[in-house]
Amino acid sequence: MSLTSVVHDRLTAHAGLTALVGTRTYGGHQLAQDVTYPCVGFGIVSETVDHCMGVDSPLTHARVQLTAYALGYHEARTIATQVRAALDRWTASSGGTVVQDTLREDGSGFDVFDEDLGNEGAWRVVDDFMVHGTGFG
């Protein structure tokens, strides 16, 4: 199972988040066309492996960027709080993918008002998480 699928499954199974966005969680850095707000979008920004003498480690470190979208500022912040609750220190194992630990990056959680979203603009709260594990293929 891919890392994108595992993260998507985790977000859509988190009751606190689904109470706010329902099933509107989109992977691959793309929102649905004519998206309904509020929602969450996410994608893998980078993946690195540990290099060892002669053999590479199976451990992968992936930076996953998640964005909470909403028409109101406080709603976007509330959604971001639930994203953090779903992922911070999360571990999992599914279909050959093992998430050993998930840590929110320092300095993430910035707010942006994007006037190009929706009819009158929308708020975005962006967080980065480092996901450590194996089998992210």
Protein backbone atom coordinates (compact mmCIF):
# COMPACT_ATOMS: atom_id res chain seq x y z
CA MET A 1 0.00 0.00 0.00
CA SER A 2 1.35 3.46 -0.82
CA LEU A 3 2.11 6.11 1.77
CA THR A 4 -0.54 8.35 0.17
CA SER A 5 -3.16 5.62 0.66
CA VAL A 6 -2.14 4.97 4.27
CA VAL A 7 -2.26 8.69 5.15
CA HIS A 8 -5.62 9.07 3.39
CA ASP A 9 -7.02 6.09 5.29
CA ARG A 10 -5.80 7.54 8.59
CA LEU A 11 -7.32 10.96 7.95
CA THR A 12 -10.69 9.60 6.80
CA ALA A 13 -10.87 7.29 9.84
CA HIS A 14 -10.22 10.07 12.37
CA ALA A 15 -13.64 10.94 13.84
CA GLY A 16 -12.69 14.47 14.88
CA LEU A 17 -11.60 15.33 11.35
CA THR A 18 -14.42 13.63 9.48
CA ALA A 19 -16.92 15.48 11.70
CA LEU A 20 -15.57 18.69 10.15
CA VAL A 21 -14.81 17.75 6.52
CA GLY A 22 -16.73 14.52 5.91
CA THR A 23 -15.08 12.57 3.09
CA ARG A 24 -13.49 15.66 1.51
CA THR A 25 -9.85 14.58 1.98
CA TYR A 26 -7.76 14.68 -1.18
CA GLY A 27 -4.28 13.23 -1.77
CA GLY A 28 -1.73 14.02 -4.43
CA HIS A 29 -1.68 17.81 -3.90
CA GLN A 30 -4.91 18.19 -5.90
CA LEU A 31 -8.35 19.14 -4.72
CA ALA A 32 -11.40 17.93 -6.56
CA GLN A 33 -12.63 20.18 -9.34
CA ASP A 34 -15.31 22.53 -7.95
CA VAL A 35 -14.38 21.43 -4.43
CA THR A 36 -16.73 22.08 -1.53
CA TYR A 37 -15.16 23.68 1.53
CA PRO A 38 -14.13 22.77 4.17
CA CYS A 39 -11.70 20.06 3.10
CA VAL A 40 -8.15 18.73 3.51
CA GLY A 41 -5.54 18.29 0.81
CA PHE A 42 -2.16 16.62 1.18
CA GLY A 43 0.79 15.33 -0.77
CA ILE A 44 4.28 13.94 -0.40
CA VAL A 45 6.87 16.70 -0.73
CA SER A 46 9.99 14.53 -0.50
CA GLU A 47 11.24 11.06 0.40
CA THR A 48 14.75 10.21 1.52
CA VAL A 49 16.43 6.98 2.60
CA ASP A 50 19.24 6.33 5.03
CA HIS A 51 22.41 5.39 3.16
CA CYS A 52 24.68 2.89 4.87
CA MET A 53 28.08 1.48 3.99
CA GLY A 54 27.42 -0.86 1.08
CA VAL A 55 23.68 -1.31 1.66
CA ASP A 56 20.86 1.21 1.87
CA SER A 57 18.54 1.02 4.83
CA PRO A 58 14.88 0.24 4.15
CA LEU A 59 13.93 3.17 6.39
CA THR A 60 12.36 6.08 4.50
CA HIS A 61 11.72 9.61 5.75
CA ALA A 62 8.86 11.29 3.89
CA ARG A 63 7.79 14.91 4.27
CA VAL A 64 4.02 15.09 3.87
CA GLN A 65 2.38 18.49 3.56
CA LEU A 66 -1.23 18.81 4.69
CA THR A 67 -3.47 21.78 4.10
CA ALA A 68 -6.75 22.53 5.89
CA TYR A 69 -9.09 24.60 3.72
CA ALA A 70 -12.14 26.53 4.92
CA LEU A 71 -14.05 29.70 4.15
CA GLY A 72 -13.50 31.00 7.69
CA TYR A 73 -10.22 31.47 9.54
CA HIS A 74 -11.28 29.78 12.79
CA GLU A 75 -12.78 26.84 10.91
CA ALA A 76 -9.49 26.30 9.02
CA ARG A 77 -7.54 26.40 12.31
CA THR A 78 -9.97 23.90 13.90
CA ILE A 79 -9.55 21.51 10.97
CA ALA A 80 -5.75 21.85 11.19
CA THR A 81 -5.95 20.96 14.89
CA GLN A 82 -7.79 17.75 13.99
CA VAL A 83 -5.25 16.93 11.26
CA ARG A 84 -2.53 17.25 13.90
CA ALA A 85 -4.49 15.07 16.31
CA ALA A 86 -4.82 12.40 13.62
CA LEU A 87 -1.16 12.34 12.62
CA ASP A 88 1.11 13.52 15.43
CA ARG A 89 3.06 10.50 16.78
CA TRP A 90 0.93 8.19 14.59
CA THR A 91 2.15 4.66 13.88
CA ALA A 92 0.56 2.06 11.61
CA SER A 93 1.09 -1.05 9.54
CA SER A 94 -0.96 -1.81 6.45
CA GLY A 95 -0.33 -3.84 3.32
CA GLY A 96 3.48 -3.86 3.65
CA THR A 97 3.70 -0.18 4.58
CA VAL A 98 4.95 0.42 8.11
CA VAL A 99 4.71 3.89 9.67
CA GLN A 100 7.14 3.84 12.58
CA ASP A 101 6.56 7.42 13.74
CA THR A 102 5.07 10.69 12.52
CA LEU A 103 6.29 14.06 13.76
CA ARG A 104 4.99 17.54 13.01
CA GLU A 105 7.77 19.77 11.74
CA ASP A 106 8.73 22.88 13.66
CA GLY A 107 7.66 26.07 11.95
CA SER A 108 4.71 24.54 10.15
CA GLY A 109 1.14 25.59 10.80
CA PHE A 110 1.19 28.85 8.88
CA ASP A 111 -2.03 30.59 7.80
CA VAL A 112 -2.73 31.90 4.30
CA PHE A 113 -5.78 33.66 2.88
CA ASP A 114 -6.00 32.73 -0.80
CA GLU A 115 -8.36 34.99 -2.72
CA ASP A 116 -8.19 32.69 -5.75
CA LEU A 117 -9.97 29.84 -3.92
CA GLY A 118 -13.75 29.58 -4.02
CA ASN A 119 -15.99 32.48 -4.97
CA GLU A 120 -14.68 34.86 -2.32
CA GLY A 121 -11.42 33.22 -1.27
CA ALA A 122 -10.62 30.67 1.39
CA TRP A 123 -8.25 30.19 4.32
CA ARG A 124 -5.49 27.60 4.27
CA VAL A 125 -3.52 26.29 7.23
CA VAL A 126 -0.45 24.36 6.09
CA ASP A 127 1.39 21.78 8.21
CA ASP A 128 4.34 19.53 7.37
CA PHE A 129 4.86 16.13 8.98
CA MET A 130 7.85 13.83 8.75
CA VAL A 131 6.69 10.23 8.37
CA HIS A 132 9.34 7.60 9.17
CA GLY A 133 8.88 4.00 8.10
CA THR A 134 9.28 1.34 5.41
CA GLY A 135 7.46 0.14 2.30
CA PHE A 136 6.33 3.57 1.11
CA GLY A 137 6.59 2.53 -2.57
